Amino acid sequence: MNILHMKYAIEVAKTGSLGKASEKLLIAVPNISRSIKELETDIGITIFERTARGMTLTPEGEDFISMAQNIVSQLEQAERFYKEGAPKKQKFSISVPRACYISEAFAEFTKSLTEDSAEIFYKETNSQRTISNMLNHDYKLGIIRYAENYDKYFKTMLEEKGFEYELITEFNYSLLMSKENPLADKGEITFADLNKYIEIAHADPYVPSMPQSKVFKEELPDNISRRIFIFERASQFELLSKNKQTFMWVSSASEHQLLHYNLVKRRCPENQKLYKDVLIYKKGYKPTKHDLEFIKELAASKERHFK
C-alpha cells in the first residue's frame, strides 16, 4: 500500500468530498481519485461510495480508514522522534464492560498521571467490540465479561486471536433499583416479581461462534415483556433514579452511587448464573508503568466492591 494514497483517502473521509480534499491537499481532483481507486484495488475493498452528494465511507471503508489513521499517526510520530526528538507523552488505552468497579478504578488511576502530555482512551462496550478495538484500533488492554457457561467459547476465541487472559473476578448479578421501587423493601426478590417491571439492559450481548438470536434468548429471557436498551451508564442511573418501575442487573455498585441516585442493591436468590470479568492483552505485550498502575487500582476497587 502507498502511504500517500492512504493520506489522500483519510482527507477525503474527513471532508466527504474530492473537491474539498483537493483544496486542502493542493492536489488535483483526478490525481486523488486515481490514487483512491488504486488503493481500493490494492486492498481489494471499496472504501467509498461515490454519490451525487459526495464520497461516503462503506462499512469496510470505515474500518480501513480507522486503521489507516493509526498507521499514518504512528509514522508521523516516528518521523518527529527522529527529526525533532519526540516529546514525552503518557499513553494508556483500555476497552471494558460497563461496570462501576472498573470505572472507579479508572478514575483513581487518572490521579497518577503527571503533568506531561497524555493520550488516554477508555471505551465502555461489549466483548465483541473490545476484541475489535484491540485487533484493529490499537487498544492495549481489554476487559471482557461473559457467563461462566460460555467459558470454552471465549477461551478458544482468545487463543485463536493471540490473546493472553487473566481472571479478574467472578460474581452473580445483583438487582439495582430506586428506593421507591415497590420491590425495594421486599426480603427476597424472585424472577416472577420482576415480570411486571421494566428492565434496563444492554442491547449487545455476544458469545463467539454462537448465533446472536440464541445469545439474546439466554441473556435476555422472555419473562420480561418491557425493556429499555441503553448503552451509556450515566443514563442508566438517571433512569433507575427517576422511574421507580425500572430495575437493572449489575455486577456491583458503590455506596456513593447508591446514595447519589437514591438507589438500593438487592439480591435475587434464584439468579445463580456466574459471570466472569477477564483481563486480556496480546501475547508478548509488556505492560507499561501506566498499565500496571491501572491494574493495581482495579484490584483495589474489586476488593472494595466484592468483599
C-alpha atoms as a PDB file:
ATOM      1  CA  MET A   1       0.000   0.000   0.000  1.00  0.00           C
ATOM      2  CA  ASN A   2       1.092   3.526  -0.803  1.00  0.00           C
ATOM      3  CA  ILE A   3       1.159   5.694   2.340  1.00  0.00           C
ATOM      4  CA  LEU A   4       0.478   8.822   0.281  1.00  0.00           C
ATOM      5  CA  HIS A   5      -2.664   7.192  -1.110  1.00  0.00           C
ATOM      6  CA  MET A   6      -3.771   6.401   2.440  1.00  0.00           C
ATOM      7  CA  LYS A   7      -3.321  10.071   3.408  1.00  0.00           C
ATOM      8  CA  TYR A   8      -5.467  11.110   0.441  1.00  0.00           C
ATOM      9  CA  ALA A   9      -8.189   8.659   1.469  1.00  0.00           C
ATOM     10  CA  ILE A  10      -8.133   9.931   5.065  1.00  0.00           C
ATOM     11  CA  GLU A  11      -8.587  13.517   3.892  1.00  0.00           C
ATOM     12  CA  VAL A  12     -11.475  12.550   1.584  1.00  0.00           C
ATOM     13  CA  ALA A  13     -13.100  10.722   4.508  1.00  0.00           C
ATOM     14  CA  LYS A  14     -12.754  13.851   6.668  1.00  0.00           C
ATOM     15  CA  THR A  15     -14.210  16.242   4.084  1.00  0.00           C
ATOM     16  CA  GLY A  16     -16.619  13.892   2.309  1.00  0.00           C
ATOM     17  CA  SER A  17     -15.606  15.438  -0.988  1.00  0.00           C
ATOM     18  CA  LEU A  18     -12.866  15.041  -3.597  1.00  0.00           C
ATOM     19  CA  GLY A  19     -13.028  18.786  -4.287  1.00  0.00           C
ATOM     20  CA  LYS A  20     -12.559  19.822  -0.663  1.00  0.00           C
ATOM     21  CA  ALA A  21      -9.762  17.288  -0.220  1.00  0.00           C
ATOM     22  CA  SER A  22      -8.130  18.677  -3.350  1.00  0.00           C
ATOM     23  CA  GLU A  23      -8.210  22.212  -1.923  1.00  0.00           C
ATOM     24  CA  LYS A  24      -6.745  21.060   1.393  1.00  0.00           C
ATOM     25  CA  LEU A  25      -4.016  18.852  -0.107  1.00  0.00           C
ATOM     26  CA  LEU A  26      -3.275  21.095  -3.107  1.00  0.00           C
ATOM     27  CA  ILE A  27      -3.545  18.022  -5.342  1.00  0.00           C
ATOM     28  CA  ALA A  28      -5.675  17.876  -8.500  1.00  0.00           C
ATOM     29  CA  VAL A  29      -9.002  16.028  -8.140  1.00  0.00           C
ATOM     30  CA  PRO A  30      -8.202  13.456 -10.896  1.00  0.00           C
ATOM     31  CA  ASN A  31      -4.945  12.543  -9.135  1.00  0.00           C
ATOM     32  CA  ILE A  32      -6.719  11.988  -5.800  1.00  0.00           C
ATOM     33  CA  SER A  33      -9.487   9.986  -7.460  1.00  0.00           C
ATOM     34  CA  ARG A  34      -6.977   7.796  -9.303  1.00  0.00           C
ATOM     35  CA  SER A  35      -4.942   7.245  -6.122  1.00  0.00           C
ATOM     36  CA  ILE A  36      -8.012   6.090  -4.189  1.00  0.00           C
ATOM     37  CA  LYS A  37      -9.026   3.691  -6.965  1.00  0.00           C
ATOM     38  CA  GLU A  38      -5.508   2.219  -6.936  1.00  0.00           C
ATOM     39  CA  LEU A  39      -5.692   1.886  -3.152  1.00  0.00           C
ATOM     40  CA  GLU A  40      -9.046   0.094  -3.359  1.00  0.00           C
ATOM     41  CA  THR A  41      -7.595  -2.259  -5.974  1.00  0.00           C
ATOM     42  CA  ASP A  42      -4.524  -2.947  -3.813  1.00  0.00           C
ATOM     43  CA  ILE A  43      -6.517  -3.930  -0.718  1.00  0.00           C
ATOM     44  CA  GLY A  44      -9.492  -5.485  -2.504  1.00  0.00           C
ATOM     45  CA  ILE A  45     -12.330  -3.462  -0.954  1.00  0.00           C
ATOM     46  CA  THR A  46     -14.499  -0.481  -1.830  1.00  0.00           C
ATOM     47  CA  ILE A  47     -13.592   2.319   0.565  1.00  0.00           C
ATOM     48  CA  PHE A  48     -16.036   4.972  -0.670  1.00  0.00           C
ATOM     49  CA  GLU A  49     -19.490   5.043  -2.161  1.00  0.00           C
ATOM     50  CA  ARG A  50     -19.471   7.716  -4.856  1.00  0.00           C
ATOM     51  CA  THR A  51     -22.773   9.619  -4.977  1.00  0.00           C
ATOM     52  CA  ALA A  52     -24.018  12.951  -6.266  1.00  0.00           C
ATOM     53  CA  ARG A  53     -23.739  14.253  -2.701  1.00  0.00           C
ATOM     54  CA  GLY A  54     -20.100  13.296  -2.324  1.00  0.00           C
ATOM     55  CA  MET A  55     -17.942  10.482  -1.018  1.00  0.00           C
ATOM     56  CA  THR A  56     -19.282   8.385   1.863  1.00  0.00           C
ATOM     57  CA  LEU A  57     -17.474   5.543   3.600  1.00  0.00           C
ATOM     58  CA  THR A  58     -18.651   1.967   3.204  1.00  0.00           C
ATOM     59  CA  PRO A  59     -18.678  -0.216   6.369  1.00  0.00           C
ATOM     60  CA  GLU A  60     -15.409  -1.794   5.181  1.00  0.00           C
ATOM     61  CA  GLY A  61     -14.112   1.677   4.398  1.00  0.00           C
ATOM     62  CA  GLU A  62     -14.814   2.874   7.954  1.00  0.00           C
ATOM     63  CA  ASP A  63     -12.699   0.052   9.382  1.00  0.00           C
ATOM     64  CA  PHE A  64      -9.917   0.669   6.869  1.00  0.00           C
ATOM     65  CA  ILE A  65      -9.799   4.451   7.452  1.00  0.00           C
ATOM     66  CA  SER A  66      -9.609   3.863  11.210  1.00  0.00           C
ATOM     67  CA  MET A  67      -6.621   1.543  10.734  1.00  0.00           C
ATOM     68  CA  ALA A  68      -5.065   3.896   8.169  1.00  0.00           C
ATOM     69  CA  GLN A  69      -5.283   6.799  10.631  1.00  0.00           C
ATOM     70  CA  ASN A  70      -3.426   4.711  13.211  1.00  0.00           C
ATOM     71  CA  ILE A  71      -0.742   3.777  10.678  1.00  0.00           C
ATOM     72  CA  VAL A  72      -0.237   7.355   9.463  1.00  0.00           C
ATOM     73  CA  SER A  73      -0.205   8.651  13.048  1.00  0.00           C
ATOM     74  CA  GLN A  74       2.474   6.146  14.042  1.00  0.00           C
ATOM     75  CA  LEU A  75       4.584   7.030  11.005  1.00  0.00           C
ATOM     76  CA  GLU A  76       4.301  10.741  11.795  1.00  0.00           C
ATOM     77  CA  GLN A  77       5.301  10.084  15.408  1.00  0.00           C
ATOM     78  CA  ALA A  78       8.338   8.103  14.249  1.00  0.00           C
ATOM     79  CA  GLU A  79       9.289  10.926  11.892  1.00  0.00           C
ATOM     80  CA  ARG A  80       9.016  13.519  14.681  1.00  0.00           C
ATOM     81  CA  PHE A  81      11.020  11.299  17.013  1.00  0.00           C
ATOM     82  CA  TYR A  82      13.989  11.039  14.684  1.00  0.00           C
ATOM     83  CA  LYS A  83      13.814  14.591  13.363  1.00  0.00           C
ATOM     84  CA  GLU A  84      12.967  16.538  16.490  1.00  0.00           C
ATOM     85  CA  GLY A  85      13.134  14.166  19.425  1.00  0.00           C
ATOM     86  CA  ALA A  86       9.703  13.001  20.474  1.00  0.00           C
ATOM     87  CA  PRO A  87       8.125  14.803  23.440  1.00  0.00           C
ATOM     88  CA  LYS A  88       7.392  12.643  26.454  1.00  0.00           C
ATOM     89  CA  LYS A  89       3.771  11.509  26.300  1.00  0.00           C
ATOM     90  CA  GLN A  90       1.811   9.289  28.664  1.00  0.00           C
ATOM     91  CA  LYS A  91      -0.283   6.725  26.832  1.00  0.00           C
ATOM     92  CA  PHE A  92      -2.937   4.342  28.056  1.00  0.00           C
ATOM     93  CA  SER A  93      -5.848   2.614  26.330  1.00  0.00           C
ATOM     94  CA  ILE A  94      -8.396   0.099  27.543  1.00  0.00           C
ATOM     95  CA  SER A  95     -11.775  -1.221  26.368  1.00  0.00           C
ATOM     96  CA  VAL A  96     -14.074  -2.533  29.112  1.00  0.00           C
ATOM     97  CA  PRO A  97     -17.617  -3.638  30.027  1.00  0.00           C
ATOM     98  CA  ARG A  98     -19.924  -1.155  31.727  1.00  0.00           C
ATOM     99  CA  ALA A  99     -19.079  -1.734  35.390  1.00  0.00           C
ATOM    100  CA  CYS A 100     -18.936   0.525  38.435  1.00  0.00           C
ATOM    101  CA  TYR A 101     -15.848  -1.051  39.960  1.00  0.00           C
ATOM    102  CA  ILE A 102     -13.910  -0.709  36.699  1.00  0.00           C
ATOM    103  CA  SER A 103     -14.871   2.935  36.138  1.00  0.00           C
ATOM    104  CA  GLU A 104     -13.970   3.696  39.754  1.00  0.00           C
ATOM    105  CA  ALA A 105     -10.556   2.067  39.239  1.00  0.00           C
ATOM    106  CA  PHE A 106     -10.044   4.154  36.102  1.00  0.00           C
ATOM    107  CA  ALA A 107     -10.922   7.366  37.948  1.00  0.00           C
ATOM    108  CA  GLU A 108      -8.380   6.539  40.661  1.00  0.00           C
ATOM    109  CA  PHE A 109      -5.793   5.612  38.031  1.00  0.00           C
ATOM    110  CA  THR A 110      -6.066   9.033  36.358  1.00  0.00           C
ATOM    111  CA  LYS A 111      -4.793  10.640  39.570  1.00  0.00           C
ATOM    112  CA  SER A 112      -1.409   9.043  38.868  1.00  0.00           C
ATOM    113  CA  LEU A 113      -0.924  10.998  35.625  1.00  0.00           C
ATOM    114  CA  THR A 114       1.836  13.573  35.750  1.00  0.00           C
ATOM    115  CA  GLU A 115       1.902  16.983  34.079  1.00  0.00           C
ATOM    116  CA  ASP A 116       3.444  15.505  30.916  1.00  0.00           C
ATOM    117  CA  SER A 117       1.227  15.405  27.824  1.00  0.00           C
ATOM    118  CA  ALA A 118      -1.090  12.392  27.750  1.00  0.00           C
ATOM    119  CA  GLU A 119      -3.335  10.378  25.450  1.00  0.00           C
ATOM    120  CA  ILE A 120      -5.748   8.258  27.487  1.00  0.00           C
ATOM    121  CA  PHE A 121      -8.502   6.143  25.916  1.00  0.00           C
ATOM    122  CA  TYR A 122     -11.271   4.472  27.960  1.00  0.00           C
ATOM    123  CA  LYS A 123     -14.037   2.740  25.996  1.00  0.00           C
ATOM    124  CA  GLU A 124     -17.091   1.038  27.524  1.00  0.00           C
ATOM    125  CA  THR A 125     -18.605  -1.569  25.220  1.00  0.00           C
ATOM    126  CA  ASN A 126     -19.343  -5.277  24.817  1.00  0.00           C
ATOM    127  CA  SER A 127     -16.827  -8.113  24.483  1.00  0.00           C
ATOM    128  CA  GLN A 128     -17.018  -8.266  20.684  1.00  0.00           C
ATOM    129  CA  ARG A 129     -16.095  -4.605  20.250  1.00  0.00           C
ATOM    130  CA  THR A 130     -13.387  -4.871  22.881  1.00  0.00           C
ATOM    131  CA  ILE A 131     -11.741  -7.614  20.810  1.00  0.00           C
ATOM    132  CA  SER A 132     -12.146  -5.461  17.681  1.00  0.00           C
ATOM    133  CA  ASN A 133     -10.674  -2.403  19.426  1.00  0.00           C
ATOM    134  CA  MET A 134      -7.597  -4.400  20.388  1.00  0.00           C
ATOM    135  CA  LEU A 135      -7.144  -6.033  16.982  1.00  0.00           C
ATOM    136  CA  ASN A 136      -7.953  -3.056  14.777  1.00  0.00           C
ATOM    137  CA  HIS A 137      -7.728   0.150  16.819  1.00  0.00           C
ATOM    138  CA  ASP A 138      -4.527  -0.234  18.834  1.00  0.00           C
ATOM    139  CA  TYR A 139      -6.087  -0.613  22.289  1.00  0.00           C
ATOM    140  CA  LYS A 140      -3.506  -2.262  24.549  1.00  0.00           C
ATOM    141  CA  LEU A 141      -5.678  -3.678  27.344  1.00  0.00           C
ATOM    142  CA  GLY A 142      -9.190  -5.062  27.422  1.00  0.00           C
ATOM    143  CA  ILE A 143     -11.647  -6.497  29.918  1.00  0.00           C
ATOM    144  CA  ILE A 144     -14.341  -8.831  28.665  1.00  0.00           C
ATOM    145  CA  ARG A 145     -17.382 -10.130  30.538  1.00  0.00           C
ATOM    146  CA  TYR A 146     -19.215 -13.374  29.912  1.00  0.00           C
ATOM    147  CA  ALA A 147     -21.277 -16.050  31.638  1.00  0.00           C
ATOM    148  CA  GLU A 148     -19.211 -18.934  33.033  1.00  0.00           C
ATOM    149  CA  ASN A 149     -21.066 -21.469  30.851  1.00  0.00           C
ATOM    150  CA  TYR A 150     -19.568 -19.733  27.777  1.00  0.00           C
ATOM    151  CA  ASP A 151     -16.018 -20.098  29.090  1.00  0.00           C
ATOM    152  CA  LYS A 152     -14.821 -22.560  26.442  1.00  0.00           C
ATOM    153  CA  TYR A 153     -16.144 -20.389  23.586  1.00  0.00           C
ATOM    154  CA  PHE A 154     -14.277 -17.330  24.788  1.00  0.00           C
ATOM    155  CA  LYS A 155     -11.038 -19.080  25.682  1.00  0.00           C
ATOM    156  CA  THR A 156     -10.940 -20.796  22.274  1.00  0.00           C
ATOM    157  CA  MET A 157     -11.500 -17.463  20.526  1.00  0.00           C
ATOM    158  CA  LEU A 158      -8.881 -15.646  22.637  1.00  0.00           C
ATOM    159  CA  GLU A 159      -6.252 -18.284  21.933  1.00  0.00           C
ATOM    160  CA  GLU A 160      -7.037 -18.274  18.196  1.00  0.00           C
ATOM    161  CA  LYS A 161      -6.633 -14.479  18.061  1.00  0.00           C
ATOM    162  CA  GLY A 162      -3.388 -14.466  20.049  1.00  0.00           C
ATOM    163  CA  PHE A 163      -4.501 -13.084  23.413  1.00  0.00           C
ATOM    164  CA  GLU A 164      -3.297 -13.765  26.922  1.00  0.00           C
ATOM    165  CA  TYR A 165      -6.047 -13.698  29.558  1.00  0.00           C
ATOM    166  CA  GLU A 166      -6.266 -13.412  33.348  1.00  0.00           C
ATOM    167  CA  LEU A 167      -9.348 -13.781  35.534  1.00  0.00           C
ATOM    168  CA  ILE A 168     -10.185 -10.596  37.449  1.00  0.00           C
ATOM    169  CA  THR A 169     -13.280 -11.711  39.338  1.00  0.00           C
ATOM    170  CA  GLU A 170     -16.337 -13.975  39.310  1.00  0.00           C
ATOM    171  CA  PHE A 171     -19.748 -12.801  40.509  1.00  0.00           C
ATOM    172  CA  ASN A 172     -23.512 -13.227  40.429  1.00  0.00           C
ATOM    173  CA  TYR A 173     -25.547 -10.277  39.250  1.00  0.00           C
ATOM    174  CA  SER A 174     -27.444  -8.200  41.806  1.00  0.00           C
ATOM    175  CA  LEU A 175     -30.502  -6.030  41.247  1.00  0.00           C
ATOM    176  CA  LEU A 176     -30.308  -2.252  41.237  1.00  0.00           C
ATOM    177  CA  MET A 177     -33.454  -0.148  41.621  1.00  0.00           C
ATOM    178  CA  SER A 178     -34.852   3.033  43.090  1.00  0.00           C
ATOM    179  CA  LYS A 179     -35.533   3.154  46.813  1.00  0.00           C
ATOM    180  CA  GLU A 180     -39.098   3.984  45.763  1.00  0.00           C
ATOM    181  CA  ASN A 181     -39.460   0.818  43.681  1.00  0.00           C
ATOM    182  CA  PRO A 182     -42.179  -1.355  45.306  1.00  0.00           C
ATOM    183  CA  LEU A 183     -39.692  -4.248  45.390  1.00  0.00           C
ATOM    184  CA  ALA A 184     -37.050  -2.280  47.302  1.00  0.00           C
ATOM    185  CA  ASP A 185     -38.419  -3.354  50.704  1.00  0.00           C
ATOM    186  CA  LYS A 186     -39.089  -6.981  49.742  1.00  0.00           C
ATOM    187  CA  GLY A 187     -36.984  -9.530  51.612  1.00  0.00           C
ATOM    188  CA  GLU A 188     -36.322 -11.935  48.734  1.00  0.00           C
ATOM    189  CA  ILE A 189     -36.954 -10.959  45.109  1.00  0.00           C
ATOM    190  CA  THR A 190     -37.894 -13.690  42.621  1.00  0.00           C
ATOM    191  CA  PHE A 191     -37.904 -13.758  38.837  1.00  0.00           C
ATOM    192  CA  ALA A 192     -41.703 -13.716  38.962  1.00  0.00           C
ATOM    193  CA  ASP A 193     -41.623 -10.493  40.999  1.00  0.00           C
ATOM    194  CA  LEU A 194     -39.771  -8.765  38.160  1.00  0.00           C
ATOM    195  CA  ASN A 195     -42.244  -9.683  35.398  1.00  0.00           C
ATOM    196  CA  LYS A 196     -44.316  -6.508  35.561  1.00  0.00           C
ATOM    197  CA  TYR A 197     -41.347  -4.137  35.868  1.00  0.00           C
ATOM    198  CA  ILE A 198     -39.105  -2.544  33.226  1.00  0.00           C
ATOM    199  CA  GLU A 199     -35.607  -3.915  32.797  1.00  0.00           C
ATOM    200  CA  ILE A 200     -32.815  -1.570  31.777  1.00  0.00           C
ATOM    201  CA  ALA A 201     -30.485  -3.703  29.670  1.00  0.00           C
ATOM    202  CA  HIS A 202     -27.581  -3.564  27.255  1.00  0.00           C
ATOM    203  CA  ALA A 203     -28.544  -4.379  23.697  1.00  0.00           C
ATOM    204  CA  ASP A 204     -25.290  -6.042  22.698  1.00  0.00           C
ATOM    205  CA  PRO A 205     -24.706  -9.454  24.329  1.00  0.00           C
ATOM    206  CA  TYR A 206     -22.105 -11.508  22.467  1.00  0.00           C
ATOM    207  CA  VAL A 207     -20.687 -15.018  22.512  1.00  0.00           C
ATOM    208  CA  PRO A 208     -18.192 -16.142  19.815  1.00  0.00           C
ATOM    209  CA  SER A 209     -19.341 -18.947  17.494  1.00  0.00           C
ATOM    210  CA  MET A 210     -22.938 -18.736  18.747  1.00  0.00           C
ATOM    211  CA  PRO A 211     -25.957 -17.340  16.820  1.00  0.00           C
ATOM    212  CA  GLN A 212     -26.895 -13.893  18.113  1.00  0.00           C
ATOM    213  CA  SER A 213     -30.542 -14.948  18.453  1.00  0.00           C
ATOM    214  CA  LYS A 214     -29.572 -17.758  20.857  1.00  0.00           C
ATOM    215  CA  VAL A 215     -27.355 -15.431  22.901  1.00  0.00           C
ATOM    216  CA  PHE A 216     -30.177 -12.883  23.180  1.00  0.00           C
ATOM    217  CA  LYS A 217     -32.633 -15.560  24.322  1.00  0.00           C
ATOM    218  CA  GLU A 218     -30.281 -16.795  27.044  1.00  0.00           C
ATOM    219  CA  GLU A 219     -29.083 -13.398  28.261  1.00  0.00           C
ATOM    220  CA  LEU A 220     -32.397 -11.534  27.797  1.00  0.00           C
ATOM    221  CA  PRO A 221     -35.121 -14.136  28.534  1.00  0.00           C
ATOM    222  CA  ASP A 222     -38.757 -13.735  27.527  1.00  0.00           C
ATOM    223  CA  ASN A 223     -40.122 -13.446  31.071  1.00  0.00           C
ATOM    224  CA  ILE A 224     -39.610  -9.666  30.919  1.00  0.00           C
ATOM    225  CA  SER A 225     -42.019  -8.007  28.485  1.00  0.00           C
ATOM    226  CA  ARG A 226     -40.664  -4.447  28.793  1.00  0.00           C
ATOM    227  CA  ARG A 227     -37.025  -3.482  28.326  1.00  0.00           C
ATOM    228  CA  ILE A 228     -35.183  -0.247  27.732  1.00  0.00           C
ATOM    229  CA  PHE A 229     -31.916  -0.858  25.872  1.00  0.00           C
ATOM    230  CA  ILE A 230     -29.271   1.721  26.622  1.00  0.00           C
ATOM    231  CA  PHE A 231     -25.504   1.992  26.238  1.00  0.00           C
ATOM    232  CA  GLU A 232     -24.422   4.917  28.424  1.00  0.00           C
ATOM    233  CA  ARG A 233     -24.044   4.189  32.143  1.00  0.00           C
ATOM    234  CA  ALA A 234     -24.923   7.628  33.490  1.00  0.00           C
ATOM    235  CA  SER A 235     -28.262   7.493  31.665  1.00  0.00           C
ATOM    236  CA  GLN A 236     -28.918   4.096  33.220  1.00  0.00           C
ATOM    237  CA  PHE A 237     -28.571   5.528  36.718  1.00  0.00           C
ATOM    238  CA  GLU A 238     -30.769   8.508  35.849  1.00  0.00           C
ATOM    239  CA  LEU A 239     -33.496   6.186  34.587  1.00  0.00           C
ATOM    240  CA  LEU A 240     -33.301   3.998  37.671  1.00  0.00           C
ATOM    241  CA  SER A 241     -33.490   7.078  39.866  1.00  0.00           C
ATOM    242  CA  LYS A 242     -36.381   8.790  38.059  1.00  0.00           C
ATOM    243  CA  ASN A 243     -38.534   5.782  37.113  1.00  0.00           C
ATOM    244  CA  LYS A 244     -39.461   3.609  40.093  1.00  0.00           C
ATOM    245  CA  GLN A 245     -40.746   0.869  37.754  1.00  0.00           C
ATOM    246  CA  THR A 246     -37.252   0.092  36.446  1.00  0.00           C
ATOM    247  CA  PHE A 247     -34.525  -2.299  37.558  1.00  0.00           C
ATOM    248  CA  MET A 248     -31.129  -3.380  36.244  1.00  0.00           C
ATOM    249  CA  TRP A 249     -28.818  -6.378  36.747  1.00  0.00           C
ATOM    250  CA  VAL A 250     -25.358  -5.201  37.849  1.00  0.00           C
ATOM    251  CA  SER A 251     -22.059  -6.685  38.951  1.00  0.00           C
ATOM    252  CA  SER A 252     -21.621  -4.089  41.702  1.00  0.00           C
ATOM    253  CA  ALA A 253     -22.422  -0.528  42.758  1.00  0.00           C
ATOM    254  CA  SER A 254     -20.592   1.790  45.128  1.00  0.00           C
ATOM    255  CA  GLU A 255     -22.181   3.333  48.219  1.00  0.00           C
ATOM    256  CA  HIS A 256     -21.545   6.747  46.663  1.00  0.00           C
ATOM    257  CA  GLN A 257     -23.589   5.864  43.568  1.00  0.00           C
ATOM    258  CA  LEU A 258     -26.397   4.350  45.635  1.00  0.00           C
ATOM    259  CA  LEU A 259     -26.661   7.497  47.746  1.00  0.00           C
ATOM    260  CA  HIS A 260     -26.243   9.913  44.838  1.00  0.00           C
ATOM    261  CA  TYR A 261     -29.004   8.330  42.742  1.00  0.00           C
ATOM    262  CA  ASN A 262     -31.237   7.207  45.657  1.00  0.00           C
ATOM    263  CA  LEU A 263     -30.850   3.542  44.713  1.00  0.00           C
ATOM    264  CA  VAL A 264     -30.708   0.216  46.527  1.00  0.00           C
ATOM    265  CA  LYS A 265     -28.963  -3.017  45.621  1.00  0.00           C
ATOM    266  CA  ARG A 266     -30.854  -6.260  46.197  1.00  0.00           C
ATOM    267  CA  ARG A 267     -30.132  -9.976  45.730  1.00  0.00           C
ATOM    268  CA  CYS A 268     -32.276 -12.392  43.744  1.00  0.00           C
ATOM    269  CA  PRO A 269     -31.509 -15.872  45.141  1.00  0.00           C
ATOM    270  CA  GLU A 270     -32.954 -17.515  42.019  1.00  0.00           C
ATOM    271  CA  ASN A 271     -30.286 -15.928  39.822  1.00  0.00           C
ATOM    272  CA  GLN A 272     -27.377 -18.326  40.287  1.00  0.00           C
ATOM    273  CA  LYS A 273     -25.707 -17.611  36.943  1.00  0.00           C
ATOM    274  CA  LEU A 274     -21.987 -16.966  37.395  1.00  0.00           C
ATOM    275  CA  TYR A 275     -20.211 -14.300  35.345  1.00  0.00           C
ATOM    276  CA  LYS A 276     -16.520 -13.635  34.755  1.00  0.00           C
ATOM    277  CA  ASP A 277     -14.566 -10.445  34.092  1.00  0.00           C
ATOM    278  CA  VAL A 278     -11.308 -11.284  32.310  1.00  0.00           C
ATOM    279  CA  LEU A 279      -8.328  -9.035  31.562  1.00  0.00           C
ATOM    280  CA  ILE A 280      -6.887  -9.590  28.078  1.00  0.00           C
ATOM    281  CA  TYR A 281      -3.839  -8.370  26.166  1.00  0.00           C
ATOM    282  CA  LYS A 282      -1.907  -9.536  23.136  1.00  0.00           C
ATOM    283  CA  LYS A 283       0.654 -12.309  23.545  1.00  0.00           C
ATOM    284  CA  GLY A 284       4.120 -10.847  24.013  1.00  0.00           C
ATOM    285  CA  TYR A 285       2.800  -7.456  25.145  1.00  0.00           C
ATOM    286  CA  LYS A 286       4.759  -5.979  28.041  1.00  0.00           C
ATOM    287  CA  PRO A 287       2.544  -3.858  30.339  1.00  0.00           C
ATOM    288  CA  THR A 288       3.683  -0.254  30.741  1.00  0.00           C
ATOM    289  CA  LYS A 289       4.001   1.612  34.025  1.00  0.00           C
ATOM    290  CA  HIS A 290       0.535   3.070  33.462  1.00  0.00           C
ATOM    291  CA  ASP A 291      -0.951  -0.350  32.670  1.00  0.00           C
ATOM    292  CA  LEU A 292       0.398  -1.694  35.954  1.00  0.00           C
ATOM    293  CA  GLU A 293      -0.905   1.334  37.860  1.00  0.00           C
ATOM    294  CA  PHE A 294      -4.397   0.780  36.447  1.00  0.00           C
ATOM    295  CA  ILE A 295      -4.264  -2.955  37.263  1.00  0.00           C
ATOM    296  CA  LYS A 296      -3.289  -2.079  40.836  1.00  0.00           C
ATOM    297  CA  GLU A 297      -6.278   0.275  41.155  1.00  0.00           C
ATOM    298  CA  LEU A 298      -8.512  -2.350  39.558  1.00  0.00           C
ATOM    299  CA  ALA A 299      -7.519  -4.913  42.182  1.00  0.00           C
ATOM    300  CA  ALA A 300      -8.185  -2.417  44.986  1.00  0.00           C
ATOM    301  CA  SER A 301     -11.562  -1.449  43.556  1.00  0.00           C
ATOM    302  CA  LYS A 302     -12.535  -5.110  43.153  1.00  0.00           C
ATOM    303  CA  GLU A 303     -11.786  -5.731  46.824  1.00  0.00           C
ATOM    304  CA  ARG A 304     -13.980  -2.788  47.838  1.00  0.00           C
ATOM    305  CA  HIS A 305     -16.912  -3.798  45.647  1.00  0.00           C
ATOM    306  CA  PHE A 306     -16.924  -7.578  46.059  1.00  0.00           C
ATOM    307  CA  LYS A 307     -15.912  -8.013  49.709  1.00  0.00           C
END
